[in-house]
Protein backbone atom coordinates (compact mmCIF):
# COMPACT_ATOMS: atom_id res chain seq x y z
CA PRO A 1 27.95 -16.84 -12.68
CA LEU A 2 24.85 -16.57 -10.55
CA ASN A 3 24.80 -20.22 -9.46
CA GLU A 4 28.20 -20.14 -7.72
CA PRO A 5 28.30 -19.73 -3.92
CA TYR A 6 29.23 -16.31 -2.55
CA HIS A 7 32.36 -16.36 -0.33
CA ASN A 8 33.73 -12.79 -0.33
CA MET A 9 34.26 -10.90 2.90
CA PHE A 10 33.05 -7.34 3.45
CA GLY A 11 32.68 -4.83 6.24
CA LYS A 12 30.23 -1.99 6.73
CA PHE A 13 31.26 1.03 8.78
CA GLY A 14 29.11 3.95 9.76
CA ILE A 15 28.78 7.05 11.89
CA TYR A 16 25.65 8.92 12.92
CA ALA A 17 25.29 12.16 14.89
CA GLN A 18 22.21 14.23 15.73
CA GLN A 19 21.70 17.37 17.79
CA HIS A 20 19.00 19.92 18.62
CA THR A 21 20.50 23.28 19.61
CA ALA A 22 18.61 26.29 20.92
CA LEU A 23 19.97 29.61 19.68
CA GLY A 24 18.93 33.16 20.50
CA PHE A 25 17.16 33.46 17.15
CA GLY A 26 15.56 29.99 16.97
CA LYS A 27 16.65 26.36 16.98
CA ILE A 28 18.81 24.24 14.72
CA HIS A 29 18.01 20.55 14.40
CA TRP A 30 20.62 18.57 12.45
CA ALA A 31 21.63 14.99 11.75
CA PHE A 32 24.68 13.65 9.92
CA GLN A 33 25.21 10.14 8.66
CA ALA A 34 28.08 8.48 6.77
CA ASN A 35 28.54 4.84 5.79
CA ALA A 36 31.18 2.98 3.82
CA ILE A 37 31.42 -0.63 2.67
CA VAL A 38 34.82 -2.26 2.32
CA GLY A 39 35.05 -5.40 0.20
CA ASP A 40 32.47 -7.01 -2.05
CA ALA A 41 29.06 -6.86 -0.42
CA PRO A 42 25.95 -8.30 -2.08
CA PHE A 43 23.52 -5.55 -3.08
CA PRO A 44 21.04 -6.07 -0.19
CA ALA A 45 23.86 -5.04 2.20
CA LEU A 46 24.41 -1.68 0.45
CA THR A 47 23.51 1.53 2.27
CA MET A 48 20.12 2.84 1.22
CA ALA A 49 19.25 6.48 1.74
CA ARG A 50 16.79 6.88 4.62
CA THR A 51 13.36 7.59 3.22
CA SER A 52 9.91 8.43 4.49
CA ARG A 53 7.38 6.15 2.82
CA SER A 54 4.26 7.97 3.97
CA SER A 55 2.97 11.46 4.60
CA TYR A 56 4.60 11.36 8.07
CA ARG A 57 7.91 13.29 8.26
CA PRO A 58 10.74 11.99 10.43
CA ASP A 59 13.36 14.69 11.06
CA THR A 60 16.29 12.65 9.78
CA ASP A 61 14.90 11.10 6.58
CA PHE A 62 14.67 12.25 3.01
CA MET A 63 11.03 13.03 2.44
CA LEU A 64 10.62 12.54 -1.31
CA LEU A 65 12.71 9.47 -2.12
CA GLY A 66 11.12 6.17 -2.97
CA SER A 67 12.31 3.06 -1.19
CA MET A 68 15.55 1.68 -2.66
CA GLU A 69 15.77 4.68 -5.00
CA LEU A 70 19.32 5.57 -3.99
CA MET A 71 21.76 2.96 -2.73
CA SER A 72 25.52 3.07 -2.49
CA ASN A 73 28.66 1.55 -1.07
CA PHE A 74 29.78 5.02 0.12
CA TYR A 75 27.10 7.33 1.51
CA THR A 76 26.89 10.59 3.42
CA ALA A 77 23.85 12.70 4.33
CA LEU A 78 23.06 15.90 6.22
CA ASN A 79 19.59 16.95 7.38
CA ILE A 80 19.11 20.48 8.75
CA ARG A 81 15.95 22.13 10.04
CA TYR A 82 16.06 25.75 11.22
CA GLN A 83 13.11 26.63 13.41
CA THR A 84 12.47 30.34 13.90
CA ARG A 85 10.98 31.99 16.96
CA GLY A 86 7.94 33.06 14.94
CA TYR A 87 9.27 35.77 12.63
CA ILE A 88 6.08 35.90 10.54
CA PHE A 89 3.33 34.66 12.86
CA GLY A 90 4.81 36.47 15.86
CA TYR A 91 3.68 39.80 14.36
CA ILE A 92 0.08 38.85 13.54
CA PRO A 93 -2.37 39.78 16.32
CA TYR A 94 -4.20 36.82 17.91
CA ILE A 95 -2.16 34.34 15.82
CA LYS A 96 0.88 35.32 17.89
CA LYS A 97 -0.68 33.66 20.93
CA LEU A 98 -0.68 30.28 19.16
CA GLY A 99 3.15 30.21 19.15
CA ILE A 100 3.46 28.89 15.59
CA ARG A 101 7.04 28.89 14.31
CA GLU A 102 8.37 28.81 10.78
CA ASP A 103 10.77 26.07 9.63
CA ILE A 104 13.33 25.98 6.83
CA ILE A 105 14.38 22.46 5.86
CA PHE A 106 17.49 21.45 3.90
CA ASN A 107 18.43 17.82 3.23
CA ILE A 108 21.44 16.77 1.14
CA GLY A 109 22.89 13.36 0.44
CA TYR A 110 25.65 12.00 -1.73
CA GLY A 111 26.60 8.46 -2.46
CA TYR A 112 28.79 6.50 -4.77
CA LEU A 113 27.79 3.17 -6.27
CA SER A 114 30.71 1.17 -7.64
CA PRO A 115 30.41 -0.19 -11.20
CA LYS A 116 31.05 -3.70 -9.85
CA TYR A 117 27.36 -3.80 -8.87
CA GLN A 118 26.30 -3.69 -12.51
CA GLY A 119 26.25 -6.72 -14.74
CA ASP A 120 25.73 -10.44 -14.41
CA ASN A 121 27.37 -11.44 -11.14
CA ILE A 122 26.38 -12.28 -7.56
CA LEU A 123 26.87 -8.66 -6.47
CA ALA A 124 24.72 -7.18 -9.22
CA ILE A 125 21.77 -4.93 -8.52
CA PRO A 126 18.74 -5.67 -10.71
CA ALA A 127 19.04 -3.54 -13.88
CA ASN A 128 15.98 -1.37 -13.17
CA LEU A 129 17.38 -0.34 -9.76
CA TYR A 130 20.93 0.19 -11.02
CA ASN A 131 19.81 2.63 -13.75
CA ALA A 132 18.14 4.86 -11.15
CA ASN A 133 21.43 5.02 -9.22
CA GLU A 134 23.67 6.15 -12.11
CA GLU A 135 22.68 9.80 -11.55
CA TRP A 136 23.50 9.40 -7.83
CA ASN A 137 27.21 8.98 -8.72
CA LYS A 138 27.25 12.32 -10.58
CA MET A 139 25.50 14.79 -8.26
CA PRO A 140 24.13 14.99 -4.71
CA TYR A 141 20.45 14.60 -3.94
CA ILE A 142 18.94 17.80 -2.45
CA GLU A 143 15.57 18.62 -0.87
CA LEU A 144 14.41 22.03 0.28
CA GLY A 145 11.33 22.77 2.33
CA PHE A 146 9.37 25.34 4.27
CA GLY A 147 7.02 24.52 7.08
CA PHE A 148 5.24 25.48 10.26
CA SER A 149 5.86 23.92 13.65
CA ASN A 150 4.32 24.07 17.10
CA ILE A 151 0.82 23.83 15.59
CA LEU A 152 -1.50 23.28 18.57
CA LYS A 153 1.75 22.69 20.53
CA ILE A 154 2.16 19.17 19.06
CA GLY A 155 2.35 19.20 15.26
CA ASP A 156 4.42 20.27 12.27
CA ILE A 157 3.60 20.55 8.59
CA ALA A 158 6.16 20.94 5.80
CA PHE A 159 6.07 21.67 2.08
CA VAL A 160 9.06 19.96 0.45
CA TRP A 161 10.56 20.15 -3.05
CA ARG A 162 13.10 17.88 -4.70
CA LEU A 163 15.78 20.10 -6.27
CA THR A 164 17.91 17.42 -7.96
CA HIS A 165 17.18 13.96 -9.41
CA ARG A 166 13.79 15.26 -10.56
CA ASN A 167 13.48 12.83 -13.48
CA SER A 168 13.85 9.70 -11.39
CA THR A 169 13.01 6.34 -12.90
CA ASN A 170 11.49 5.21 -9.59
CA PRO A 171 7.66 5.29 -9.79
CA GLU A 172 7.43 6.07 -6.04
CA ALA A 173 9.54 9.22 -6.40
CA GLN A 174 7.88 12.60 -5.89
CA ASN A 175 9.06 16.10 -6.78
CA PHE A 176 6.78 17.85 -4.24
CA ALA A 177 4.89 16.73 -1.14
CA VAL A 178 3.20 17.99 1.98
CA LYS A 179 4.42 16.11 5.07
CA TRP A 180 3.36 16.20 8.72
CA ARG A 181 4.99 15.28 12.02
CA VAL A 182 3.86 14.96 15.63
CA GLY A 183 6.33 16.06 18.26
CA LEU A 184 6.41 18.00 21.49
CA ASP A 185 8.75 20.96 21.30
CA PHE A 186 9.18 23.32 24.24
């Protein structure tokens, strides 16, 4: 029952790694995150997929998820951005001098939400949020994007598509967006 005090113990464990590596044919920017909850945690303590809630694009967040759209007690995510050395713009006269580079963006996340968070108990997620997470247990969430970086030496712009979970019940969810980022990249 909801009026009983909550006394269960739980632990939350996580790992996060990020690296930017220069290669002979461009750069790879990647970030990996994994979290697991052991025990019975109340739903506010669940891991929520990192999201970008504006038109600004952090490198390590999912760009098209709404807040609290995907939550889980086991979660893993990988964000990869490949930045070319200017394969397209490097061959266009006068544009070549601007140093604009092309980006390919791939974000994937998978989580599992235990059935114990559904129903009428202290751990339960509100029904409208739980229904959005049922699809999360069945398939990973994937975003794919294409963008341009090193615009005026300080900015990036990306065009991003949601490949899975396209019929989300979250009203904040988007299937396509244009995102920007400010960052110095030498």
